[in-house]
PDB file of N, CA and C in Angstrom:
ATOM      1  N   UNK A   1       8.836   7.938  25.659  1.00  0.00           N
ATOM      2  CA  UNK A   1      10.081   8.096  25.174  1.00  0.00           C
ATOM      3  C   UNK A   1      10.143   9.129  24.021  1.00  0.00           C
ATOM      4  N   UNK A   2      10.967  10.166  24.339  1.00  0.00           N
ATOM      5  CA  UNK A   2      10.902  11.317  23.370  1.00  0.00           C
ATOM      6  C   UNK A   2      12.083  11.044  22.225  1.00  0.00           C
ATOM      7  N   UNK A   3      11.721  11.269  21.018  1.00  0.00           N
ATOM      8  CA  UNK A   3      12.608  11.173  20.059  1.00  0.00           C
ATOM      9  C   UNK A   3      13.034  12.559  19.506  1.00  0.00           C
ATOM     10  N   UNK A   4      14.407  12.793  19.505  1.00  0.00           N
ATOM     11  CA  UNK A   4      14.772  14.244  18.970  1.00  0.00           C
ATOM     12  C   UNK A   4      14.363  14.556  17.634  1.00  0.00           C
ATOM     13  N   UNK A   5      13.702  15.776  17.423  1.00  0.00           N
ATOM     14  CA  UNK A   5      13.385  16.220  16.157  1.00  0.00           C
ATOM     15  C   UNK A   5      11.871  15.729  15.758  1.00  0.00           C
ATOM     16  N   UNK A   6      11.285  15.207  16.721  1.00  0.00           N
ATOM     17  CA  UNK A   6       9.882  14.609  16.400  1.00  0.00           C
ATOM     18  C   UNK A   6       8.974  15.403  17.214  1.00  0.00           C
ATOM     19  N   UNK A   7       7.753  15.694  16.764  1.00  0.00           N
ATOM     20  CA  UNK A   7       6.738  16.397  17.531  1.00  0.00           C
ATOM     21  C   UNK A   7       6.181  15.652  18.703  1.00  0.00           C
ATOM     22  N   UNK A   8       5.705  16.283  19.789  1.00  0.00           N
ATOM     23  CA  UNK A   8       5.342  15.620  20.993  1.00  0.00           C
ATOM     24  C   UNK A   8       3.975  14.785  20.763  1.00  0.00           C
ATOM     25  N   UNK A   9       3.139  15.344  19.950  1.00  0.00           N
ATOM     26  CA  UNK A   9       1.866  14.789  19.820  1.00  0.00           C
ATOM     27  C   UNK A   9       1.673  14.355  18.112  1.00  0.00           C
ATOM     28  N   UNK A  10       1.401  13.286  17.880  1.00  0.00           N
ATOM     29  CA  UNK A  10       1.153  12.784  16.555  1.00  0.00           C
ATOM     30  C   UNK A  10      -0.380  12.425  16.488  1.00  0.00           C
ATOM     31  N   UNK A  11      -1.150  12.971  15.641  1.00  0.00           N
ATOM     32  CA  UNK A  11      -2.588  12.715  15.421  1.00  0.00           C
ATOM     33  C   UNK A  11      -2.668  11.554  14.560  1.00  0.00           C
ATOM     34  N   UNK A  12      -3.892  10.878  14.393  1.00  0.00           N
ATOM     35  CA  UNK A  12      -4.289  10.023  13.513  1.00  0.00           C
ATOM     36  C   UNK A  12      -4.024  10.361  11.957  1.00  0.00           C
ATOM     37  N   UNK A  13      -4.419  11.637  11.862  1.00  0.00           N
ATOM     38  CA  UNK A  13      -4.430  12.216  10.545  1.00  0.00           C
ATOM     39  C   UNK A  13      -3.030  12.331  10.044  1.00  0.00           C
ATOM     40  N   UNK A  14      -2.019  12.778  11.006  1.00  0.00           N
ATOM     41  CA  UNK A  14      -0.653  12.913  10.645  1.00  0.00           C
ATOM     42  C   UNK A  14       0.010  11.498  10.331  1.00  0.00           C
ATOM     43  N   UNK A  15      -0.361  10.467  11.031  1.00  0.00           N
ATOM     44  CA  UNK A  15       0.176   9.134  10.772  1.00  0.00           C
ATOM     45  C   UNK A  15      -0.431   8.634   9.478  1.00  0.00           C
ATOM     46  N   UNK A  16      -1.611   8.794   9.133  1.00  0.00           N
ATOM     47  CA  UNK A  16      -2.121   8.406   7.941  1.00  0.00           C
ATOM     48  C   UNK A  16      -1.450   9.028   6.641  1.00  0.00           C
ATOM     49  N   UNK A  17      -1.356  10.351   6.876  1.00  0.00           N
ATOM     50  CA  UNK A  17      -0.794  11.197   5.898  1.00  0.00           C
ATOM     51  C   UNK A  17       0.689  10.654   5.519  1.00  0.00           C
ATOM     52  N   UNK A  18       1.358  10.266   6.654  1.00  0.00           N
ATOM     53  CA  UNK A  18       2.841   9.732   6.505  1.00  0.00           C
ATOM     54  C   UNK A  18       2.717   8.435   5.671  1.00  0.00           C
ATOM     55  N   UNK A  19       1.861   7.615   6.047  1.00  0.00           N
ATOM     56  CA  UNK A  19       1.794   6.240   5.508  1.00  0.00           C
ATOM     57  C   UNK A  19       1.421   6.310   4.058  1.00  0.00           C
ATOM     58  N   UNK A  20       0.344   7.185   3.778  1.00  0.00           N
ATOM     59  CA  UNK A  20      -0.020   7.348   2.223  1.00  0.00           C
ATOM     60  C   UNK A  20       1.055   7.980   1.427  1.00  0.00           C
ATOM     61  N   UNK A  21       1.833   9.075   1.936  1.00  0.00           N
ATOM     62  CA  UNK A  21       2.876   9.550   1.221  1.00  0.00           C
ATOM     63  C   UNK A  21       4.132   8.654   1.034  1.00  0.00           C
ATOM     64  N   UNK A  22       4.464   7.896   1.937  1.00  0.00           N
ATOM     65  CA  UNK A  22       5.552   6.971   1.823  1.00  0.00           C
ATOM     66  C   UNK A  22       5.230   5.590   1.137  1.00  0.00           C
ATOM     67  N   UNK A  23       4.081   5.124   1.526  1.00  0.00           N
ATOM     68  CA  UNK A  23       3.638   3.746   1.076  1.00  0.00           C
ATOM     69  C   UNK A  23       3.868   2.824   2.098  1.00  0.00           C
ATOM     70  N   UNK A  24       3.104   1.684   2.243  1.00  0.00           N
ATOM     71  CA  UNK A  24       3.395   0.601   3.161  1.00  0.00           C
ATOM     72  C   UNK A  24       2.802  -0.641   2.473  1.00  0.00           C
ATOM     73  N   UNK A  25       3.547  -1.804   2.722  1.00  0.00           N
ATOM     74  CA  UNK A  25       3.068  -3.069   2.362  1.00  0.00           C
ATOM     75  C   UNK A  25       2.917  -4.019   3.614  1.00  0.00           C
ATOM     76  N   UNK A  26       1.800  -4.631   3.624  1.00  0.00           N
ATOM     77  CA  UNK A  26       1.420  -5.462   4.846  1.00  0.00           C
ATOM     78  C   UNK A  26       1.251  -6.902   4.151  1.00  0.00           C
ATOM     79  N   UNK A  27       2.085  -7.888   4.580  1.00  0.00           N
ATOM     80  CA  UNK A  27       1.914  -9.141   3.911  1.00  0.00           C
ATOM     81  C   UNK A  27       1.853 -10.183   5.046  1.00  0.00           C
ATOM     82  N   UNK A  28       0.972 -11.367   4.817  1.00  0.00           N
ATOM     83  CA  UNK A  28       0.738 -12.339   5.696  1.00  0.00           C
ATOM     84  C   UNK A  28       0.144 -13.453   5.263  1.00  0.00           C
ATOM     85  N   UNK A  29       0.184 -14.560   5.851  1.00  0.00           N
ATOM     86  CA  UNK A  29      -0.488 -15.802   5.595  1.00  0.00           C
ATOM     87  C   UNK A  29      -1.417 -16.290   6.573  1.00  0.00           C
ATOM     88  N   UNK A  30      -2.450 -16.845   6.006  1.00  0.00           N
ATOM     89  CA  UNK A  30      -3.613 -17.408   7.100  1.00  0.00           C
ATOM     90  C   UNK A  30      -3.716 -18.933   6.602  1.00  0.00           C
ATOM     91  N   UNK A  31      -3.513 -19.896   7.584  1.00  0.00           N
ATOM     92  CA  UNK A  31      -3.668 -21.290   7.422  1.00  0.00           C
ATOM     93  C   UNK A  31      -4.600 -21.812   8.356  1.00  0.00           C
ATOM     94  N   UNK A  32      -5.552 -22.498   7.873  1.00  0.00           N
ATOM     95  CA  UNK A  32      -6.687 -23.241   8.770  1.00  0.00           C
ATOM     96  C   UNK A  32      -6.341 -24.683   8.449  1.00  0.00           C
ATOM     97  N   UNK A  33      -5.983 -25.389   9.453  1.00  0.00           N
ATOM     98  CA  UNK A  33      -5.724 -26.902   9.369  1.00  0.00           C
ATOM     99  C   UNK A  33      -6.504 -27.576  10.477  1.00  0.00           C
ATOM    100  N   UNK A  34      -6.654 -28.920  10.155  1.00  0.00           N
ATOM    101  CA  UNK A  34      -7.343 -29.817  11.000  1.00  0.00           C
ATOM    102  C   UNK A  34      -6.463 -31.077  11.080  1.00  0.00           C
ATOM    103  N   UNK A  35      -5.897 -31.572  12.200  1.00  0.00           N
ATOM    104  CA  UNK A  35      -5.133 -32.731  12.243  1.00  0.00           C
ATOM    105  C   UNK A  35      -3.945 -32.610  11.391  1.00  0.00           C
ATOM    106  N   UNK A  36      -3.346 -31.598  11.437  1.00  0.00           N
ATOM    107  CA  UNK A  36      -2.124 -31.370  10.528  1.00  0.00           C
ATOM    108  C   UNK A  36      -2.375 -31.423   9.100  1.00  0.00           C
ATOM    109  N   UNK A  37      -3.595 -31.191   8.574  1.00  0.00           N
ATOM    110  CA  UNK A  37      -3.865 -31.202   7.335  1.00  0.00           C
ATOM    111  C   UNK A  37      -4.415 -29.818   6.944  1.00  0.00           C
ATOM    112  N   UNK A  38      -3.666 -28.973   6.085  1.00  0.00           N
ATOM    113  CA  UNK A  38      -4.065 -27.809   5.617  1.00  0.00           C
ATOM    114  C   UNK A  38      -5.469 -27.817   4.836  1.00  0.00           C
ATOM    115  N   UNK A  39      -6.442 -27.100   5.369  1.00  0.00           N
ATOM    116  CA  UNK A  39      -7.741 -27.136   4.710  1.00  0.00           C
ATOM    117  C   UNK A  39      -7.761 -25.840   3.878  1.00  0.00           C
ATOM    118  N   UNK A  40      -7.248 -24.644   4.347  1.00  0.00           N
ATOM    119  CA  UNK A  40      -7.509 -23.409   3.729  1.00  0.00           C
ATOM    120  C   UNK A  40      -6.097 -22.581   3.885  1.00  0.00           C
ATOM    121  N   UNK A  41      -5.453 -22.095   2.825  1.00  0.00           N
ATOM    122  CA  UNK A  41      -4.388 -21.370   2.836  1.00  0.00           C
ATOM    123  C   UNK A  41      -4.657 -20.025   2.072  1.00  0.00           C
ATOM    124  N   UNK A  42      -4.419 -18.883   2.736  1.00  0.00           N
ATOM    125  CA  UNK A  42      -4.690 -17.514   2.126  1.00  0.00           C
ATOM    126  C   UNK A  42      -3.399 -16.761   2.325  1.00  0.00           C
ATOM    127  N   UNK A  43      -2.773 -16.285   1.189  1.00  0.00           N
ATOM    128  CA  UNK A  43      -1.620 -15.402   1.192  1.00  0.00           C
ATOM    129  C   UNK A  43      -2.197 -14.041   0.888  1.00  0.00           C
ATOM    130  N   UNK A  44      -2.034 -13.043   1.811  1.00  0.00           N
ATOM    131  CA  UNK A  44      -2.467 -11.630   1.772  1.00  0.00           C
ATOM    132  C   UNK A  44      -1.427 -10.780   1.599  1.00  0.00           C
ATOM    133  N   UNK A  45      -1.504  -9.813   0.693  1.00  0.00           N
ATOM    134  CA  UNK A  45      -0.651  -8.771   0.508  1.00  0.00           C
ATOM    135  C   UNK A  45      -1.474  -7.443   0.317  1.00  0.00           C
ATOM    136  N   UNK A  46      -1.212  -6.513   1.112  1.00  0.00           N
ATOM    137  CA  UNK A  46      -2.107  -5.318   0.978  1.00  0.00           C
ATOM    138  C   UNK A  46      -0.947  -4.086   0.747  1.00  0.00           C
ATOM    139  N   UNK A  47      -1.287  -3.253  -0.100  1.00  0.00           N
ATOM    140  CA  UNK A  47      -0.613  -2.145  -0.489  1.00  0.00           C
ATOM    141  C   UNK A  47      -1.355  -0.778  -0.209  1.00  0.00           C
ATOM    142  N   UNK A  48      -0.750   0.142   0.543  1.00  0.00           N
ATOM    143  CA  UNK A  48      -1.389   1.262   0.889  1.00  0.00           C
ATOM    144  C   UNK A  48      -0.598   2.509   0.447  1.00  0.00           C
ATOM    145  N   UNK A  49      -0.920   3.232  -0.513  1.00  0.00           N
ATOM    146  CA  UNK A  49      -0.154   4.388  -0.954  1.00  0.00           C
ATOM    147  C   UNK A  49      -0.803   5.195  -1.822  1.00  0.00           C
ATOM    148  N   UNK A  50      -0.409   6.506  -1.910  1.00  0.00           N
ATOM    149  CA  UNK A  50      -1.201   7.379  -2.708  1.00  0.00           C
ATOM    150  C   UNK A  50      -1.047   7.076  -4.268  1.00  0.00           C
ATOM    151  N   UNK A  51      -1.937   7.530  -5.066  1.00  0.00           N
ATOM    152  CA  UNK A  51      -1.798   7.346  -6.565  1.00  0.00           C
ATOM    153  C   UNK A  51      -0.512   7.954  -7.122  1.00  0.00           C
ATOM    154  N   UNK A  52      -0.214   9.234  -6.468  1.00  0.00           N
ATOM    155  CA  UNK A  52       0.934   9.991  -6.959  1.00  0.00           C
ATOM    156  C   UNK A  52       2.306   9.142  -6.644  1.00  0.00           C
ATOM    157  N   UNK A  53       2.384   8.464  -5.487  1.00  0.00           N
ATOM    158  CA  UNK A  53       3.483   7.717  -5.157  1.00  0.00           C
ATOM    159  C   UNK A  53       3.586   6.510  -6.102  1.00  0.00           C
ATOM    160  N   UNK A  54       2.467   5.882  -6.260  1.00  0.00           N
ATOM    161  CA  UNK A  54       2.568   4.686  -7.143  1.00  0.00           C
ATOM    162  C   UNK A  54       3.003   5.172  -8.611  1.00  0.00           C
ATOM    163  N   UNK A  55       2.703   6.220  -9.104  1.00  0.00           N
ATOM    164  CA  UNK A  55       2.986   6.751 -10.338  1.00  0.00           C
ATOM    165  C   UNK A  55       4.596   6.864 -10.486  1.00  0.00           C
ATOM    166  N   UNK A  56       5.087   7.618  -9.428  1.00  0.00           N
ATOM    167  CA  UNK A  56       6.465   7.802  -9.263  1.00  0.00           C
ATOM    168  C   UNK A  56       7.309   6.760  -9.273  1.00  0.00           C
ATOM    169  N   UNK A  57       6.845   5.552  -8.570  1.00  0.00           N
ATOM    170  CA  UNK A  57       7.684   4.224  -8.321  1.00  0.00           C
ATOM    171  C   UNK A  57       7.562   3.530  -9.490  1.00  0.00           C
ATOM    172  N   UNK A  58       6.424   3.356 -10.091  1.00  0.00           N
ATOM    173  CA  UNK A  58       6.223   2.602 -11.327  1.00  0.00           C
ATOM    174  C   UNK A  58       6.420   2.970 -12.589  1.00  0.00           C
ATOM    175  N   UNK A  59       6.504   4.449 -12.653  1.00  0.00           N
ATOM    176  CA  UNK A  59       6.576   4.967 -13.986  1.00  0.00           C
ATOM    177  C   UNK A  59       5.519   4.903 -14.916  1.00  0.00           C
ATOM    178  N   UNK A  60       4.358   4.576 -14.319  1.00  0.00           N
ATOM    179  CA  UNK A  60       3.012   4.488 -15.054  1.00  0.00           C
ATOM    180  C   UNK A  60       1.985   5.456 -14.507  1.00  0.00           C
ATOM    181  N   UNK A  61       1.120   5.882 -15.326  1.00  0.00           N
ATOM    182  CA  UNK A  61      -0.026   6.715 -14.879  1.00  0.00           C
ATOM    183  C   UNK A  61      -1.234   5.771 -14.724  1.00  0.00           C
ATOM    184  N   UNK A  62      -1.867   5.873 -13.515  1.00  0.00           N
ATOM    185  CA  UNK A  62      -2.903   5.047 -13.116  1.00  0.00           C
ATOM    186  C   UNK A  62      -4.352   5.792 -13.408  1.00  0.00           C
ATOM    187  N   UNK A  63      -5.210   5.096 -14.084  1.00  0.00           N
ATOM    188  CA  UNK A  63      -6.414   5.784 -14.604  1.00  0.00           C
ATOM    189  C   UNK A  63      -7.582   5.383 -13.473  1.00  0.00           C
ATOM    190  N   UNK A  64      -8.439   6.418 -13.177  1.00  0.00           N
ATOM    191  CA  UNK A  64      -9.339   6.234 -12.215  1.00  0.00           C
ATOM    192  C   UNK A  64     -10.629   5.693 -12.703  1.00  0.00           C
ATOM    193  N   UNK A  65     -10.725   5.326 -13.984  1.00  0.00           N
ATOM    194  CA  UNK A  65     -11.902   4.857 -14.712  1.00  0.00           C
ATOM    195  C   UNK A  65     -11.773   3.401 -14.837  1.00  0.00           C
ATOM    196  N   UNK A  66     -10.795   2.718 -14.188  1.00  0.00           N
ATOM    197  CA  UNK A  66     -10.619   1.303 -14.134  1.00  0.00           C
ATOM    198  C   UNK A  66      -9.881   0.802 -15.409  1.00  0.00           C
ATOM    199  N   UNK A  67      -9.329   1.661 -16.196  1.00  0.00           N
ATOM    200  CA  UNK A  67      -8.464   1.176 -17.411  1.00  0.00           C
ATOM    201  C   UNK A  67      -7.203   0.687 -17.014  1.00  0.00           C
ATOM    202  N   UNK A  68      -6.375   0.234 -18.086  1.00  0.00           N
ATOM    203  CA  UNK A  68      -5.205  -0.210 -17.762  1.00  0.00           C
ATOM    204  C   UNK A  68      -4.161   1.046 -17.381  1.00  0.00           C
ATOM    205  N   UNK A  69      -3.097   0.753 -16.684  1.00  0.00           N
ATOM    206  CA  UNK A  69      -2.119   1.879 -16.618  1.00  0.00           C
ATOM    207  C   UNK A  69      -1.419   2.103 -17.812  1.00  0.00           C
ATOM    208  N   UNK A  70      -1.005   3.323 -17.997  1.00  0.00           N
ATOM    209  CA  UNK A  70      -0.199   3.775 -19.279  1.00  0.00           C
ATOM    210  C   UNK A  70       1.020   4.402 -18.858  1.00  0.00           C
ATOM    211  N   UNK A  71       1.935   4.314 -19.699  1.00  0.00           N
ATOM    212  CA  UNK A  71       3.368   4.989 -19.501  1.00  0.00           C
ATOM    213  C   UNK A  71       3.066   6.436 -19.710  1.00  0.00           C
ATOM    214  N   UNK A  72       3.760   7.369 -19.109  1.00  0.00           N
ATOM    215  CA  UNK A  72       3.848   8.812 -19.318  1.00  0.00           C
ATOM    216  C   UNK A  72       4.034   9.075 -20.786  1.00  0.00           C
ATOM    217  N   UNK A  73       3.182   9.929 -21.479  1.00  0.00           N
ATOM    218  CA  UNK A  73       3.478  10.281 -22.811  1.00  0.00           C
ATOM    219  C   UNK A  73       2.636   9.401 -23.633  1.00  0.00           C
ATOM    220  N   UNK A  74       2.033   8.361 -23.255  1.00  0.00           N
ATOM    221  CA  UNK A  74       1.210   7.523 -24.079  1.00  0.00           C
ATOM    222  C   UNK A  74      -0.230   8.152 -24.120  1.00  0.00           C
ATOM    223  N   UNK A  75      -0.941   7.969 -25.083  1.00  0.00           N
ATOM    224  CA  UNK A  75      -2.337   8.393 -25.324  1.00  0.00           C
ATOM    225  C   UNK A  75      -3.137   7.493 -24.512  1.00  0.00           C
ATOM    226  N   UNK A  76      -3.988   7.968 -23.558  1.00  0.00           N
ATOM    227  CA  UNK A  76      -4.878   7.153 -22.595  1.00  0.00           C
ATOM    228  C   UNK A  76      -6.084   6.684 -23.276  1.00  0.00           C
ATOM    229  N   UNK A  77      -6.272   7.228 -24.582  1.00  0.00           N
ATOM    230  CA  UNK A  77      -7.638   6.923 -25.191  1.00  0.00           C
ATOM    231  C   UNK A  77      -7.727   5.506 -25.756  1.00  0.00           C
TER     232      UNK A  77
END
């Protein structure tokens, strides 16, 4: 099916670039039960986005050294 205004071929790199630039959240639940008794419940939430996108959405600057995020203009030291 051809969508107007869209290129005919979309590479994996193009798709990954779009996902990282826009951001995507994947959420799901895993439940392992036996005889209608829940033995294990896992709630998963996965966020895929670029650091630049996270900074614009949250208004915070993320540090690559594992430190706490800071507001723009704050001294990161």
